[in-house]
């Protein structure tokens, strides 16, 4: 019984550490179908076990919602012009996040987010 409790405690601590690794400021470049590029910035915060934050765009900040974290995988939604854009992410070891965007205004896409050094 003690061994089971120790494993559960270890997994809880490990998942908390991974979630804390998500926290911070991240940037990515998104290409539009016409070839123009736009910089996007993401701000992720951990409030206990809950992920909060926003996407910072040239048109203003958009809060994230419907967040879920499962180890190094996490997801969130952003509402924009009466549409919900889904983001499926994986935290990588090299201070990057791979992100799949589903339902965006320019269709489905993929981006690599890089941690901003401050």
N, C-alpha and C. Protein backbone atom coordinates (compact mmCIF):
# COMPACT_ATOMS: atom_id res chain seq x y z
N UNK A 1 0.82 -1.19 0.00
CA UNK A 1 0.00 0.00 0.00
C UNK A 1 0.87 1.27 0.00
N UNK A 2 1.95 1.25 0.79
CA UNK A 2 2.84 2.41 0.82
C UNK A 2 3.50 2.63 -0.53
N UNK A 3 3.82 1.54 -1.23
CA UNK A 3 4.44 1.65 -2.55
C UNK A 3 3.48 2.30 -3.54
N UNK A 4 2.21 1.94 -3.48
CA UNK A 4 1.21 2.52 -4.38
C UNK A 4 1.07 4.02 -4.10
N UNK A 5 1.00 4.39 -2.83
CA UNK A 5 0.88 5.81 -2.47
C UNK A 5 2.13 6.58 -2.93
N UNK A 6 3.31 5.97 -2.81
CA UNK A 6 4.54 6.62 -3.24
C UNK A 6 4.53 6.86 -4.75
N UNK A 7 4.06 5.89 -5.52
CA UNK A 7 3.97 6.04 -6.98
C UNK A 7 2.98 7.13 -7.34
N UNK A 8 1.84 7.17 -6.69
CA UNK A 8 0.84 8.20 -6.97
C UNK A 8 1.40 9.57 -6.65
N UNK A 9 2.08 9.71 -5.51
CA UNK A 9 2.68 10.98 -5.13
C UNK A 9 3.74 11.40 -6.15
N UNK A 10 4.58 10.46 -6.59
CA UNK A 10 5.60 10.76 -7.59
C UNK A 10 4.97 11.26 -8.89
N UNK A 11 3.93 10.58 -9.36
CA UNK A 11 3.28 10.98 -10.61
C UNK A 11 2.64 12.36 -10.47
N UNK A 12 2.06 12.66 -9.32
CA UNK A 12 1.46 13.97 -9.10
C UNK A 12 2.53 15.06 -9.14
N UNK A 13 3.65 14.83 -8.45
CA UNK A 13 4.73 15.82 -8.44
C UNK A 13 5.32 15.98 -9.84
N UNK A 14 5.52 14.90 -10.55
CA UNK A 14 6.08 14.97 -11.91
C UNK A 14 5.15 15.73 -12.85
N UNK A 15 3.83 15.48 -12.77
CA UNK A 15 2.91 16.18 -13.66
C UNK A 15 2.83 17.66 -13.30
N UNK A 16 2.96 18.01 -12.00
CA UNK A 16 2.96 19.41 -11.60
C UNK A 16 4.19 20.12 -12.18
N UNK A 17 5.34 19.44 -12.19
CA UNK A 17 6.55 20.03 -12.75
C UNK A 17 6.43 20.28 -14.24
N UNK A 18 5.82 19.35 -14.95
CA UNK A 18 5.61 19.52 -16.39
C UNK A 18 4.68 20.69 -16.64
N UNK A 19 3.58 20.77 -15.88
CA UNK A 19 2.64 21.87 -16.04
C UNK A 19 3.32 23.21 -15.79
N UNK A 20 4.18 23.27 -14.78
CA UNK A 20 4.91 24.50 -14.50
C UNK A 20 5.82 24.87 -15.66
N UNK A 21 6.30 23.88 -16.43
CA UNK A 21 7.14 24.14 -17.59
C UNK A 21 6.40 24.83 -18.72
N UNK A 22 5.08 24.73 -18.72
CA UNK A 22 4.26 25.40 -19.73
C UNK A 22 4.19 26.90 -19.46
N UNK A 23 4.23 27.26 -18.19
CA UNK A 23 4.05 28.65 -17.79
C UNK A 23 5.12 29.54 -18.41
N UNK A 24 4.71 30.73 -18.85
CA UNK A 24 5.66 31.69 -19.39
C UNK A 24 5.14 32.35 -20.66
N UNK A 25 6.04 33.05 -21.33
CA UNK A 25 5.71 33.75 -22.57
C UNK A 25 6.36 33.00 -23.73
N UNK A 26 5.59 32.82 -24.78
CA UNK A 26 6.01 32.06 -25.95
C UNK A 26 5.68 32.86 -27.21
N UNK A 27 6.44 32.66 -28.28
CA UNK A 27 6.16 33.35 -29.53
C UNK A 27 6.19 32.37 -30.70
N UNK A 28 5.46 32.74 -31.74
CA UNK A 28 5.42 31.95 -32.97
C UNK A 28 5.12 32.88 -34.13
N UNK A 29 5.45 32.42 -35.31
CA UNK A 29 5.12 33.16 -36.53
C UNK A 29 4.10 32.35 -37.30
N UNK A 30 3.00 33.00 -37.67
CA UNK A 30 1.95 32.33 -38.43
C UNK A 30 1.97 32.89 -39.85
N UNK A 31 1.94 31.99 -40.83
CA UNK A 31 1.90 32.41 -42.23
C UNK A 31 0.47 32.34 -42.74
N UNK A 32 0.06 33.38 -43.43
CA UNK A 32 -1.26 33.39 -44.05
C UNK A 32 -1.18 32.75 -45.43
N UNK A 33 -2.32 32.39 -46.01
CA UNK A 33 -2.30 31.78 -47.35
C UNK A 33 -1.64 32.65 -48.42
N UNK A 34 -1.67 33.99 -48.23
CA UNK A 34 -1.04 34.87 -49.22
C UNK A 34 0.46 35.09 -48.95
N UNK A 35 1.01 34.39 -47.97
CA UNK A 35 2.44 34.45 -47.70
C UNK A 35 2.86 35.47 -46.66
N UNK A 36 1.93 36.30 -46.20
CA UNK A 36 2.27 37.26 -45.16
C UNK A 36 2.49 36.54 -43.84
N UNK A 37 3.35 37.11 -43.00
CA UNK A 37 3.62 36.53 -41.70
C UNK A 37 3.13 37.46 -40.60
N UNK A 38 2.65 36.85 -39.50
CA UNK A 38 2.19 37.60 -38.36
C UNK A 38 2.74 36.95 -37.11
N UNK A 39 3.33 37.75 -36.23
CA UNK A 39 3.84 37.21 -34.98
C UNK A 39 2.70 37.10 -33.97
N UNK A 40 2.65 35.95 -33.32
CA UNK A 40 1.69 35.72 -32.24
C UNK A 40 2.48 35.47 -30.97
N UNK A 41 1.98 35.97 -29.87
CA UNK A 41 2.60 35.72 -28.57
C UNK A 41 1.57 35.06 -27.67
N UNK A 42 2.02 34.08 -26.93
CA UNK A 42 1.17 33.33 -26.02
C UNK A 42 1.69 33.54 -24.61
N UNK A 43 0.78 33.80 -23.68
CA UNK A 43 1.14 33.94 -22.28
C UNK A 43 0.37 32.86 -21.52
N UNK A 44 1.10 31.92 -20.92
CA UNK A 44 0.48 30.84 -20.16
C UNK A 44 0.81 31.00 -18.68
N UNK A 45 -0.20 30.83 -17.84
CA UNK A 45 -0.03 30.91 -16.39
C UNK A 45 -0.68 29.70 -15.75
N UNK A 46 -0.05 29.20 -14.71
CA UNK A 46 -0.64 28.12 -13.92
C UNK A 46 -1.24 28.73 -12.66
N UNK A 47 -2.50 28.46 -12.43
CA UNK A 47 -3.18 28.87 -11.20
C UNK A 47 -3.59 27.58 -10.51
N UNK A 48 -2.71 27.07 -9.65
CA UNK A 48 -2.91 25.76 -9.06
C UNK A 48 -2.71 24.72 -10.15
N UNK A 49 -3.72 23.92 -10.41
CA UNK A 49 -3.67 22.91 -11.47
C UNK A 49 -4.31 23.39 -12.76
N UNK A 50 -4.78 24.64 -12.79
CA UNK A 50 -5.50 25.17 -13.95
C UNK A 50 -4.60 26.07 -14.80
N UNK A 51 -4.64 25.84 -16.11
CA UNK A 51 -3.91 26.66 -17.07
C UNK A 51 -4.80 27.83 -17.48
N UNK A 52 -4.25 29.05 -17.42
CA UNK A 52 -4.95 30.24 -17.90
C UNK A 52 -3.98 30.98 -18.81
N UNK A 53 -4.45 32.05 -19.43
CA UNK A 53 -3.56 32.84 -20.26
C UNK A 53 -4.27 33.51 -21.40
N UNK A 54 -3.47 33.95 -22.37
CA UNK A 54 -4.04 34.66 -23.51
C UNK A 54 -3.12 34.55 -24.72
N UNK A 55 -3.70 34.83 -25.87
CA UNK A 55 -2.95 34.95 -27.12
C UNK A 55 -2.90 36.44 -27.42
N UNK A 56 -1.69 36.96 -27.60
CA UNK A 56 -1.49 38.38 -27.84
C UNK A 56 -1.26 38.56 -29.34
N UNK A 57 -2.18 39.27 -30.00
CA UNK A 57 -2.10 39.48 -31.44
C UNK A 57 -2.05 40.98 -31.73
N UNK A 58 -1.74 41.36 -32.96
CA UNK A 58 -1.78 42.79 -33.30
C UNK A 58 -3.18 43.39 -33.13
N UNK A 59 -4.20 42.54 -33.12
CA UNK A 59 -5.58 43.01 -32.96
C UNK A 59 -6.06 42.98 -31.52
N UNK A 60 -5.18 42.65 -30.58
CA UNK A 60 -5.56 42.63 -29.16
C UNK A 60 -5.37 41.26 -28.55
N UNK A 61 -5.58 41.20 -27.24
CA UNK A 61 -5.42 39.96 -26.48
C UNK A 61 -6.70 39.14 -26.52
N UNK A 62 -6.54 37.82 -26.65
CA UNK A 62 -7.68 36.91 -26.63
C UNK A 62 -7.44 35.87 -25.54
N UNK A 63 -8.33 35.78 -24.54
CA UNK A 63 -8.13 34.81 -23.46
C UNK A 63 -8.30 33.37 -23.95
N UNK A 64 -7.57 32.45 -23.31
CA UNK A 64 -7.74 31.04 -23.62
C UNK A 64 -8.81 30.47 -22.69
N UNK A 65 -9.46 29.40 -23.14
CA UNK A 65 -10.51 28.77 -22.33
C UNK A 65 -10.49 27.26 -22.58
N UNK A 66 -11.30 26.55 -21.81
CA UNK A 66 -11.46 25.10 -21.98
C UNK A 66 -10.11 24.39 -21.97
N UNK A 67 -9.27 24.72 -21.00
CA UNK A 67 -7.91 24.17 -20.95
C UNK A 67 -7.89 22.77 -20.36
N UNK A 68 -7.00 21.96 -20.87
CA UNK A 68 -6.79 20.60 -20.37
C UNK A 68 -5.30 20.31 -20.41
N UNK A 69 -4.79 19.64 -19.36
CA UNK A 69 -3.39 19.25 -19.31
C UNK A 69 -3.32 17.76 -19.01
N UNK A 70 -2.51 17.05 -19.80
CA UNK A 70 -2.27 15.62 -19.58
C UNK A 70 -0.79 15.37 -19.83
N UNK A 71 0.02 15.49 -18.76
CA UNK A 71 1.46 15.34 -18.92
C UNK A 71 2.02 16.46 -19.76
N UNK A 72 2.73 16.13 -20.83
CA UNK A 72 3.31 17.14 -21.71
C UNK A 72 2.33 17.61 -22.78
N UNK A 73 1.17 16.99 -22.83
CA UNK A 73 0.13 17.37 -23.79
C UNK A 73 -0.82 18.35 -23.11
N UNK A 74 -1.20 19.40 -23.82
CA UNK A 74 -2.23 20.30 -23.29
C UNK A 74 -3.00 20.90 -24.45
N UNK A 75 -4.19 21.37 -24.14
CA UNK A 75 -5.04 21.95 -25.18
C UNK A 75 -5.81 23.13 -24.59
N UNK A 76 -6.27 23.98 -25.50
CA UNK A 76 -7.10 25.11 -25.10
C UNK A 76 -7.84 25.62 -26.32
N UNK A 77 -8.85 26.45 -26.07
CA UNK A 77 -9.63 27.07 -27.13
C UNK A 77 -9.46 28.58 -27.04
N UNK A 78 -9.64 29.23 -28.18
CA UNK A 78 -9.69 30.69 -28.25
C UNK A 78 -10.91 31.04 -29.09
N UNK A 79 -11.73 31.97 -28.59
CA UNK A 79 -12.90 32.42 -29.34
C UNK A 79 -12.53 33.68 -30.11
N UNK A 80 -12.90 33.69 -31.40
CA UNK A 80 -12.54 34.79 -32.28
C UNK A 80 -13.60 34.92 -33.35
N UNK A 81 -14.21 36.10 -33.46
CA UNK A 81 -15.24 36.36 -34.48
C UNK A 81 -16.29 35.25 -34.55
N UNK A 82 -16.90 34.92 -33.45
CA UNK A 82 -17.95 33.89 -33.37
C UNK A 82 -17.49 32.50 -33.79
N UNK A 83 -16.19 32.23 -33.72
CA UNK A 83 -15.71 30.88 -33.99
C UNK A 83 -14.81 30.45 -32.83
N UNK A 84 -14.74 29.15 -32.64
CA UNK A 84 -13.87 28.60 -31.61
C UNK A 84 -12.70 27.92 -32.30
N UNK A 85 -11.50 28.36 -31.95
CA UNK A 85 -10.28 27.81 -32.53
C UNK A 85 -9.64 26.90 -31.50
N UNK A 86 -9.44 25.63 -31.86
CA UNK A 86 -8.87 24.65 -30.94
C UNK A 86 -7.36 24.56 -31.15
N UNK A 87 -6.66 24.41 -30.04
CA UNK A 87 -5.19 24.32 -30.05
C UNK A 87 -4.77 23.07 -29.29
N UNK A 88 -4.09 22.15 -29.95
CA UNK A 88 -3.55 20.95 -29.32
C UNK A 88 -2.04 21.09 -29.29
N UNK A 89 -1.46 20.98 -28.09
CA UNK A 89 -0.05 21.32 -27.91
C UNK A 89 0.72 20.20 -27.23
N UNK A 90 2.03 20.17 -27.50
CA UNK A 90 2.96 19.27 -26.83
C UNK A 90 4.18 20.07 -26.41
N UNK A 91 4.48 20.04 -25.11
CA UNK A 91 5.67 20.68 -24.58
C UNK A 91 6.88 19.81 -24.90
N UNK A 92 7.87 20.40 -25.55
CA UNK A 92 9.09 19.67 -25.93
C UNK A 92 10.22 19.98 -24.95
N UNK A 93 11.26 19.16 -24.99
CA UNK A 93 12.40 19.31 -24.08
C UNK A 93 13.26 20.53 -24.38
N UNK A 94 13.20 21.07 -25.58
CA UNK A 94 14.11 22.14 -26.00
C UNK A 94 13.47 23.52 -25.93
N UNK A 95 12.61 23.74 -24.96
CA UNK A 95 11.92 25.03 -24.78
C UNK A 95 11.10 25.41 -26.01
N UNK A 96 10.46 24.42 -26.61
CA UNK A 96 9.52 24.68 -27.69
C UNK A 96 8.21 23.95 -27.39
N UNK A 97 7.17 24.41 -28.04
CA UNK A 97 5.86 23.76 -27.98
C UNK A 97 5.43 23.53 -29.42
N UNK A 98 5.07 22.30 -29.76
CA UNK A 98 4.48 22.06 -31.08
C UNK A 98 2.98 22.21 -30.92
N UNK A 99 2.38 22.95 -31.84
CA UNK A 99 0.96 23.28 -31.72
C UNK A 99 0.23 22.98 -33.02
N UNK A 100 -0.91 22.31 -32.91
CA UNK A 100 -1.81 22.11 -34.03
C UNK A 100 -3.03 22.99 -33.79
N UNK A 101 -3.36 23.80 -34.77
CA UNK A 101 -4.48 24.71 -34.69
C UNK A 101 -5.59 24.17 -35.58
N UNK A 102 -6.76 23.99 -35.01
CA UNK A 102 -7.89 23.42 -35.76
C UNK A 102 -9.03 24.43 -35.77
N UNK A 103 -9.50 24.77 -36.96
CA UNK A 103 -10.66 25.65 -37.10
C UNK A 103 -10.30 27.12 -37.10
N UNK A 104 -9.06 27.44 -37.41
CA UNK A 104 -8.66 28.85 -37.46
C UNK A 104 -9.21 29.55 -38.69
N UNK A 105 -9.11 30.88 -38.71
CA UNK A 105 -9.65 31.63 -39.86
C UNK A 105 -8.95 31.31 -41.17
N UNK A 106 -7.73 30.73 -41.08
CA UNK A 106 -7.00 30.36 -42.30
C UNK A 106 -6.92 28.85 -42.46
N UNK A 107 -7.85 28.15 -41.79
CA UNK A 107 -7.86 26.69 -41.88
C UNK A 107 -6.97 26.08 -40.80
N UNK A 108 -6.79 24.78 -40.87
CA UNK A 108 -5.96 24.06 -39.92
C UNK A 108 -4.48 24.34 -40.23
N UNK A 109 -3.69 24.42 -39.17
CA UNK A 109 -2.27 24.71 -39.37
C UNK A 109 -1.46 24.17 -38.20
N UNK A 110 -0.14 24.25 -38.33
CA UNK A 110 0.77 23.85 -37.27
C UNK A 110 1.77 24.97 -37.05
N UNK A 111 2.19 25.13 -35.79
CA UNK A 111 3.17 26.14 -35.44
C UNK A 111 4.13 25.58 -34.40
N UNK A 112 5.29 26.17 -34.32
CA UNK A 112 6.25 25.88 -33.27
C UNK A 112 6.38 27.16 -32.43
N UNK A 113 6.09 27.04 -31.14
CA UNK A 113 6.24 28.16 -30.23
C UNK A 113 7.61 28.05 -29.56
N UNK A 114 8.25 29.18 -29.40
CA UNK A 114 9.56 29.23 -28.74
C UNK A 114 9.43 30.09 -27.49
N UNK A 115 10.03 29.59 -26.41
CA UNK A 115 9.97 30.34 -25.15
C UNK A 115 10.72 31.66 -25.32
N UNK A 116 10.08 32.74 -24.86
CA UNK A 116 10.72 34.05 -24.91
C UNK A 116 11.63 34.19 -23.70
N UNK A 117 12.85 34.56 -23.93
CA UNK A 117 13.82 34.79 -22.86
C UNK A 117 13.68 36.23 -22.38
N UNK A 118 13.58 36.37 -21.08
CA UNK A 118 13.42 37.75 -20.56
C UNK A 118 14.52 38.09 -19.62
